[in-house]
Amino acid sequence: MERIINIHIEKLPEGFYLATSESIQGLVAQGRTVSETLEIARDVAKKLIEARKEKEFIPNLPMVNDNFDYPLIVGV
């Protein structure tokens, strides 16, 4: 089952990217590129959701519908 998690990404002065989320409290990920940061954030989100399932606290995240918009980032 896929869910949608809103991620906020900002570029740090050191050149790294930082991802946080209001959808899942405690989600923090940092990477050298946007792609790497999103990959790490995805892993962290899965672990946080699994940990909360064990405590019977599952965040209310919207399901992925048949159609949705997704920003595609392409380096040129």
PDB file of N, CA and C in Angstrom:
ATOM      1  N   MET A   1       0.853  -1.174   0.000  1.00  0.00           N
ATOM      2  CA  MET A   1       0.000   0.000   0.000  1.00  0.00           C
ATOM      3  C   MET A   1       0.902   1.241   0.000  1.00  0.00           C
ATOM      4  N   GLU A   2       0.727   2.082  -0.975  1.00  0.00           N
ATOM      5  CA  GLU A   2       1.533   3.295  -1.070  1.00  0.00           C
ATOM      6  C   GLU A   2       0.773   4.487  -0.508  1.00  0.00           C
ATOM      7  N   ARG A   3       1.493   5.323   0.191  1.00  0.00           N
ATOM      8  CA  ARG A   3       0.921   6.526   0.795  1.00  0.00           C
ATOM      9  C   ARG A   3       1.705   7.747   0.322  1.00  0.00           C
ATOM     10  N   ILE A   4       1.086   8.901   0.424  1.00  0.00           N
ATOM     11  CA  ILE A   4       1.729  10.153   0.035  1.00  0.00           C
ATOM     12  C   ILE A   4       2.237  10.852   1.287  1.00  0.00           C
ATOM     13  N   ILE A   5       3.496  11.218   1.259  1.00  0.00           N
ATOM     14  CA  ILE A   5       4.115  11.970   2.353  1.00  0.00           C
ATOM     15  C   ILE A   5       4.690  13.244   1.752  1.00  0.00           C
ATOM     16  N   ASN A   6       4.283  14.372   2.265  1.00  0.00           N
ATOM     17  CA  ASN A   6       4.829  15.646   1.783  1.00  0.00           C
ATOM     18  C   ASN A   6       6.188  15.884   2.436  1.00  0.00           C
ATOM     19  N   ILE A   7       7.157  16.192   1.594  1.00  0.00           N
ATOM     20  CA  ILE A   7       8.533  16.414   2.035  1.00  0.00           C
ATOM     21  C   ILE A   7       8.926  17.848   1.711  1.00  0.00           C
ATOM     22  N   HIS A   8       9.596  18.486   2.650  1.00  0.00           N
ATOM     23  CA  HIS A   8      10.151  19.828   2.427  1.00  0.00           C
ATOM     24  C   HIS A   8      11.661  19.663   2.295  1.00  0.00           C
ATOM     25  N   ILE A   9      12.230  20.188   1.210  1.00  0.00           N
ATOM     26  CA  ILE A   9      13.672  20.089   0.982  1.00  0.00           C
ATOM     27  C   ILE A   9      14.258  21.482   0.910  1.00  0.00           C
ATOM     28  N   GLU A  10      15.372  21.660   1.609  1.00  0.00           N
ATOM     29  CA  GLU A  10      16.085  22.935   1.523  1.00  0.00           C
ATOM     30  C   GLU A  10      17.574  22.669   1.336  1.00  0.00           C
ATOM     31  N   LYS A  11      18.203  23.545   0.586  1.00  0.00           N
ATOM     32  CA  LYS A  11      19.641  23.429   0.372  1.00  0.00           C
ATOM     33  C   LYS A  11      20.344  24.156   1.511  1.00  0.00           C
ATOM     34  N   LEU A  12      21.257  23.447   2.151  1.00  0.00           N
ATOM     35  CA  LEU A  12      22.003  24.012   3.268  1.00  0.00           C
ATOM     36  C   LEU A  12      23.197  24.805   2.752  1.00  0.00           C
ATOM     37  N   PRO A  13      23.707  25.761   3.542  1.00  0.00           N
ATOM     38  CA  PRO A  13      24.863  26.555   3.110  1.00  0.00           C
ATOM     39  C   PRO A  13      26.083  25.697   2.757  1.00  0.00           C
ATOM     40  N   GLU A  14      26.191  24.519   3.383  1.00  0.00           N
ATOM     41  CA  GLU A  14      27.331  23.629   3.127  1.00  0.00           C
ATOM     42  C   GLU A  14      27.208  22.899   1.788  1.00  0.00           C
ATOM     43  N   GLY A  15      26.055  23.056   1.111  1.00  0.00           N
ATOM     44  CA  GLY A  15      25.845  22.417  -0.179  1.00  0.00           C
ATOM     45  C   GLY A  15      25.029  21.141  -0.105  1.00  0.00           C
ATOM     46  N   PHE A  16      24.752  20.637   1.082  1.00  0.00           N
ATOM     47  CA  PHE A  16      23.918  19.452   1.242  1.00  0.00           C
ATOM     48  C   PHE A  16      22.447  19.844   1.190  1.00  0.00           C
ATOM     49  N   TYR A  17      21.584  18.827   1.063  1.00  0.00           N
ATOM     50  CA  TYR A  17      20.141  19.042   1.075  1.00  0.00           C
ATOM     51  C   TYR A  17      19.552  18.404   2.327  1.00  0.00           C
ATOM     52  N   LEU A  18      18.580  19.073   2.917  1.00  0.00           N
ATOM     53  CA  LEU A  18      17.922  18.596   4.128  1.00  0.00           C
ATOM     54  C   LEU A  18      16.445  18.402   3.847  1.00  0.00           C
ATOM     55  N   ALA A  19      15.933  17.209   4.179  1.00  0.00           N
ATOM     56  CA  ALA A  19      14.511  16.905   3.988  1.00  0.00           C
ATOM     57  C   ALA A  19      13.851  16.729   5.351  1.00  0.00           C
ATOM     58  N   THR A  20      12.692  17.350   5.514  1.00  0.00           N
ATOM     59  CA  THR A  20      11.867  17.180   6.712  1.00  0.00           C
ATOM     60  C   THR A  20      10.428  16.999   6.250  1.00  0.00           C
ATOM     61  N   SER A  21       9.562  16.613   7.192  1.00  0.00           N
ATOM     62  CA  SER A  21       8.171  16.399   6.827  1.00  0.00           C
ATOM     63  C   SER A  21       7.249  16.750   7.975  1.00  0.00           C
ATOM     64  N   GLU A  22       6.168  17.444   7.654  1.00  0.00           N
ATOM     65  CA  GLU A  22       5.119  17.676   8.639  1.00  0.00           C
ATOM     66  C   GLU A  22       4.165  16.486   8.668  1.00  0.00           C
ATOM     67  N   SER A  23       4.197  15.648   7.633  1.00  0.00           N
ATOM     68  CA  SER A  23       3.332  14.470   7.570  1.00  0.00           C
ATOM     69  C   SER A  23       3.754  13.406   8.581  1.00  0.00           C
ATOM     70  N   ILE A  24       5.063  13.252   8.758  1.00  0.00           N
ATOM     71  CA  ILE A  24       5.605  12.271   9.702  1.00  0.00           C
ATOM     72  C   ILE A  24       6.616  12.984  10.585  1.00  0.00           C
ATOM     73  N   GLN A  25       6.224  13.252  11.811  1.00  0.00           N
ATOM     74  CA  GLN A  25       7.126  13.932  12.728  1.00  0.00           C
ATOM     75  C   GLN A  25       8.351  13.057  12.985  1.00  0.00           C
ATOM     76  N   GLY A  26       9.499  13.687  13.031  1.00  0.00           N
ATOM     77  CA  GLY A  26      10.744  12.970  13.267  1.00  0.00           C
ATOM     78  C   GLY A  26      11.484  12.619  11.997  1.00  0.00           C
ATOM     79  N   LEU A  27      10.867  12.847  10.849  1.00  0.00           N
ATOM     80  CA  LEU A  27      11.539  12.533   9.598  1.00  0.00           C
ATOM     81  C   LEU A  27      12.534  13.644   9.272  1.00  0.00           C
ATOM     82  N   VAL A  28      13.801  13.277   9.259  1.00  0.00           N
ATOM     83  CA  VAL A  28      14.884  14.190   8.893  1.00  0.00           C
ATOM     84  C   VAL A  28      15.871  13.374   8.076  1.00  0.00           C
ATOM     85  N   ALA A  29      16.245  13.883   6.907  1.00  0.00           N
ATOM     86  CA  ALA A  29      17.200  13.192   6.043  1.00  0.00           C
ATOM     87  C   ALA A  29      18.106  14.223   5.386  1.00  0.00           C
ATOM     88  N   GLN A  30      19.349  13.844   5.169  1.00  0.00           N
ATOM     89  CA  GLN A  30      20.305  14.750   4.550  1.00  0.00           C
ATOM     90  C   GLN A  30      21.106  13.990   3.505  1.00  0.00           C
ATOM     91  N   GLY A  31      21.332  14.640   2.350  1.00  0.00           N
ATOM     92  CA  GLY A  31      22.099  14.011   1.285  1.00  0.00           C
ATOM     93  C   GLY A  31      22.857  15.034   0.463  1.00  0.00           C
ATOM     94  N   ARG A  32      23.706  14.507  -0.425  1.00  0.00           N
ATOM     95  CA  ARG A  32      24.514  15.385  -1.289  1.00  0.00           C
ATOM     96  C   ARG A  32      23.737  15.911  -2.483  1.00  0.00           C
ATOM     97  N   THR A  33      22.707  15.161  -2.896  1.00  0.00           N
ATOM     98  CA  THR A  33      21.859  15.574  -4.017  1.00  0.00           C
ATOM     99  C   THR A  33      20.397  15.458  -3.592  1.00  0.00           C
ATOM    100  N   VAL A  34      19.515  16.046  -4.379  1.00  0.00           N
ATOM    101  CA  VAL A  34      18.082  15.931  -4.090  1.00  0.00           C
ATOM    102  C   VAL A  34      17.666  14.465  -4.165  1.00  0.00           C
ATOM    103  N   SER A  35      18.134  13.749  -5.187  1.00  0.00           N
ATOM    104  CA  SER A  35      17.777  12.334  -5.349  1.00  0.00           C
ATOM    105  C   SER A  35      18.231  11.505  -4.159  1.00  0.00           C
ATOM    106  N   GLU A  36      19.462  11.696  -3.731  1.00  0.00           N
ATOM    107  CA  GLU A  36      19.984  10.952  -2.586  1.00  0.00           C
ATOM    108  C   GLU A  36      19.190  11.286  -1.319  1.00  0.00           C
ATOM    109  N   THR A  37      18.870  12.550  -1.143  1.00  0.00           N
ATOM    110  CA  THR A  37      18.113  12.989   0.027  1.00  0.00           C
ATOM    111  C   THR A  37      16.728  12.357   0.036  1.00  0.00           C
ATOM    112  N   LEU A  38      16.054  12.311  -1.110  1.00  0.00           N
ATOM    113  CA  LEU A  38      14.732  11.685  -1.195  1.00  0.00           C
ATOM    114  C   LEU A  38      14.798  10.185  -0.929  1.00  0.00           C
ATOM    115  N   GLU A  39      15.846   9.529  -1.418  1.00  0.00           N
ATOM    116  CA  GLU A  39      16.019   8.100  -1.175  1.00  0.00           C
ATOM    117  C   GLU A  39      16.184   7.824   0.325  1.00  0.00           C
ATOM    118  N   ILE A  40      16.993   8.619   0.979  1.00  0.00           N
ATOM    119  CA  ILE A  40      17.189   8.473   2.426  1.00  0.00           C
ATOM    120  C   ILE A  40      15.888   8.778   3.163  1.00  0.00           C
ATOM    121  N   ALA A  41      15.188   9.834   2.750  1.00  0.00           N
ATOM    122  CA  ALA A  41      13.918  10.203   3.389  1.00  0.00           C
ATOM    123  C   ALA A  41      12.899   9.081   3.257  1.00  0.00           C
ATOM    124  N   ARG A  42      12.862   8.410   2.114  1.00  0.00           N
ATOM    125  CA  ARG A  42      11.938   7.296   1.901  1.00  0.00           C
ATOM    126  C   ARG A  42      12.238   6.168   2.891  1.00  0.00           C
ATOM    127  N   ASP A  43      13.520   5.844   3.067  1.00  0.00           N
ATOM    128  CA  ASP A  43      13.908   4.796   4.019  1.00  0.00           C
ATOM    129  C   ASP A  43      13.555   5.181   5.452  1.00  0.00           C
ATOM    130  N   VAL A  44      13.824   6.429   5.809  1.00  0.00           N
ATOM    131  CA  VAL A  44      13.505   6.901   7.162  1.00  0.00           C
ATOM    132  C   VAL A  44      11.993   6.867   7.396  1.00  0.00           C
ATOM    133  N   ALA A  45      11.217   7.286   6.404  1.00  0.00           N
ATOM    134  CA  ALA A  45       9.757   7.284   6.532  1.00  0.00           C
ATOM    135  C   ALA A  45       9.236   5.866   6.766  1.00  0.00           C
ATOM    136  N   LYS A  46       9.748   4.894   5.999  1.00  0.00           N
ATOM    137  CA  LYS A  46       9.316   3.501   6.174  1.00  0.00           C
ATOM    138  C   LYS A  46       9.604   3.020   7.586  1.00  0.00           C
ATOM    139  N   LYS A  47      10.794   3.323   8.084  1.00  0.00           N
ATOM    140  CA  LYS A  47      11.170   2.885   9.428  1.00  0.00           C
ATOM    141  C   LYS A  47      10.310   3.553  10.498  1.00  0.00           C
ATOM    142  N   LEU A  48      10.034   4.835  10.334  1.00  0.00           N
ATOM    143  CA  LEU A  48       9.189   5.530  11.303  1.00  0.00           C
ATOM    144  C   LEU A  48       7.764   4.979  11.298  1.00  0.00           C
ATOM    145  N   ILE A  49       7.226   4.695  10.118  1.00  0.00           N
ATOM    146  CA  ILE A  49       5.872   4.148  10.018  1.00  0.00           C
ATOM    147  C   ILE A  49       5.822   2.754  10.648  1.00  0.00           C
ATOM    148  N   GLU A  50       6.825   1.918  10.356  1.00  0.00           N
ATOM    149  CA  GLU A  50       6.872   0.575  10.946  1.00  0.00           C
ATOM    150  C   GLU A  50       6.946   0.650  12.466  1.00  0.00           C
ATOM    151  N   ALA A  51       7.766   1.542  12.996  1.00  0.00           N
ATOM    152  CA  ALA A  51       7.902   1.686  14.447  1.00  0.00           C
ATOM    153  C   ALA A  51       6.587   2.130  15.074  1.00  0.00           C
ATOM    154  N   ARG A  52       5.866   2.995  14.398  1.00  0.00           N
ATOM    155  CA  ARG A  52       4.593   3.484  14.936  1.00  0.00           C
ATOM    156  C   ARG A  52       3.491   2.440  14.822  1.00  0.00           C
ATOM    157  N   LYS A  53       3.600   1.549  13.817  1.00  0.00           N
ATOM    158  CA  LYS A  53       2.624   0.464  13.699  1.00  0.00           C
ATOM    159  C   LYS A  53       2.707  -0.439  14.919  1.00  0.00           C
ATOM    160  N   GLU A  54       3.932  -0.690  15.384  1.00  0.00           N
ATOM    161  CA  GLU A  54       4.124  -1.540  16.556  1.00  0.00           C
ATOM    162  C   GLU A  54       3.474  -0.941  17.794  1.00  0.00           C
ATOM    163  N   LYS A  55       3.434   0.369  17.864  1.00  0.00           N
ATOM    164  CA  LYS A  55       2.809   1.060  19.000  1.00  0.00           C
ATOM    165  C   LYS A  55       1.338   1.374  18.723  1.00  0.00           C
ATOM    166  N   GLU A  56       0.838   0.864  17.591  1.00  0.00           N
ATOM    167  CA  GLU A  56      -0.546   1.060  17.182  1.00  0.00           C
ATOM    168  C   GLU A  56      -0.902   2.521  16.928  1.00  0.00           C
ATOM    169  N   PHE A  57       0.097   3.307  16.555  1.00  0.00           N
ATOM    170  CA  PHE A  57      -0.148   4.703  16.163  1.00  0.00           C
ATOM    171  C   PHE A  57       0.295   4.847  14.714  1.00  0.00           C
ATOM    172  N   ILE A  58      -0.652   4.729  13.807  1.00  0.00           N
ATOM    173  CA  ILE A  58      -0.348   4.830  12.377  1.00  0.00           C
ATOM    174  C   ILE A  58      -0.749   6.217  11.903  1.00  0.00           C
ATOM    175  N   PRO A  59       0.209   6.979  11.345  1.00  0.00           N
ATOM    176  CA  PRO A  59      -0.140   8.322  10.856  1.00  0.00           C
ATOM    177  C   PRO A  59      -1.203   8.251   9.764  1.00  0.00           C
ATOM    178  N   ASN A  60      -2.076   9.235   9.739  1.00  0.00           N
ATOM    179  CA  ASN A  60      -3.135   9.299   8.740  1.00  0.00           C
ATOM    180  C   ASN A  60      -2.565   9.916   7.464  1.00  0.00           C
ATOM    181  N   LEU A  61      -2.059   9.069   6.580  1.00  0.00           N
ATOM    182  CA  LEU A  61      -1.455   9.536   5.332  1.00  0.00           C
ATOM    183  C   LEU A  61      -2.366   9.195   4.169  1.00  0.00           C
ATOM    184  N   PRO A  62      -2.543  10.132   3.224  1.00  0.00           N
ATOM    185  CA  PRO A  62      -3.409   9.847   2.080  1.00  0.00           C
ATOM    186  C   PRO A  62      -2.830   8.745   1.195  1.00  0.00           C
ATOM    187  N   MET A  63      -3.715   7.933   0.631  1.00  0.00           N
ATOM    188  CA  MET A  63      -3.297   6.874  -0.283  1.00  0.00           C
ATOM    189  C   MET A  63      -2.989   7.469  -1.654  1.00  0.00           C
ATOM    190  N   VAL A  64      -2.154   6.782  -2.400  1.00  0.00           N
ATOM    191  CA  VAL A  64      -1.851   7.182  -3.767  1.00  0.00           C
ATOM    192  C   VAL A  64      -3.037   6.803  -4.642  1.00  0.00           C
ATOM    193  N   ASN A  65      -3.592   7.766  -5.349  1.00  0.00           N
ATOM    194  CA  ASN A  65      -4.716   7.533  -6.257  1.00  0.00           C
ATOM    195  C   ASN A  65      -4.210   7.076  -7.618  1.00  0.00           C
ATOM    196  N   ASP A  66      -5.132   6.791  -8.518  1.00  0.00           N
ATOM    197  CA  ASP A  66      -4.754   6.381  -9.869  1.00  0.00           C
ATOM    198  C   ASP A  66      -4.057   7.501 -10.628  1.00  0.00           C
ATOM    199  N   ASN A  67      -4.373   8.763 -10.293  1.00  0.00           N
ATOM    200  CA  ASN A  67      -3.763   9.922 -10.943  1.00  0.00           C
ATOM    201  C   ASN A  67      -3.278  10.891  -9.880  1.00  0.00           C
ATOM    202  N   PHE A  68      -2.073  11.396 -10.046  1.00  0.00           N
ATOM    203  CA  PHE A  68      -1.552  12.408  -9.132  1.00  0.00           C
ATOM    204  C   PHE A  68      -0.413  13.155  -9.798  1.00  0.00           C
ATOM    205  N   ASP A  69      -0.123  14.339  -9.291  1.00  0.00           N
ATOM    206  CA  ASP A  69       0.989  15.148  -9.817  1.00  0.00           C
ATOM    207  C   ASP A  69       2.238  14.870  -9.005  1.00  0.00           C
ATOM    208  N   TYR A  70       3.376  14.879  -9.682  1.00  0.00           N
ATOM    209  CA  TYR A  70       4.660  14.611  -9.031  1.00  0.00           C
ATOM    210  C   TYR A  70       5.700  15.505  -9.681  1.00  0.00           C
ATOM    211  N   PRO A  71       6.393  16.330  -8.906  1.00  0.00           N
ATOM    212  CA  PRO A  71       7.410  17.187  -9.519  1.00  0.00           C
ATOM    213  C   PRO A  71       8.651  16.358  -9.896  1.00  0.00           C
ATOM    214  N   LEU A  72       9.016  16.382 -11.132  1.00  0.00           N
ATOM    215  CA  LEU A  72      10.192  15.644 -11.617  1.00  0.00           C
ATOM    216  C   LEU A  72      11.355  16.624 -11.711  1.00  0.00           C
ATOM    217  N   ILE A  73      12.428  16.316 -10.998  1.00  0.00           N
ATOM    218  CA  ILE A  73      13.604  17.185 -10.987  1.00  0.00           C
ATOM    219  C   ILE A  73      14.646  16.581 -11.913  1.00  0.00           C
ATOM    220  N   VAL A  74      15.111  17.368 -12.871  1.00  0.00           N
ATOM    221  CA  VAL A  74      16.078  16.895 -13.864  1.00  0.00           C
ATOM    222  C   VAL A  74      17.271  17.842 -13.882  1.00  0.00           C
ATOM    223  N   GLY A  75      18.449  17.308 -13.683  1.00  0.00           N
ATOM    224  CA  GLY A  75      19.661  18.123 -13.779  1.00  0.00           C
ATOM    225  C   GLY A  75      20.062  18.287 -15.241  1.00  0.00           C
ATOM    226  N   VAL A  76      20.372  19.527 -15.629  1.00  0.00           N
ATOM    227  CA  VAL A  76      20.792  19.775 -17.010  1.00  0.00           C
ATOM    228  C   VAL A  76      22.112  20.507 -17.043  1.00  0.00           C
TER     229      VAL A  76
END
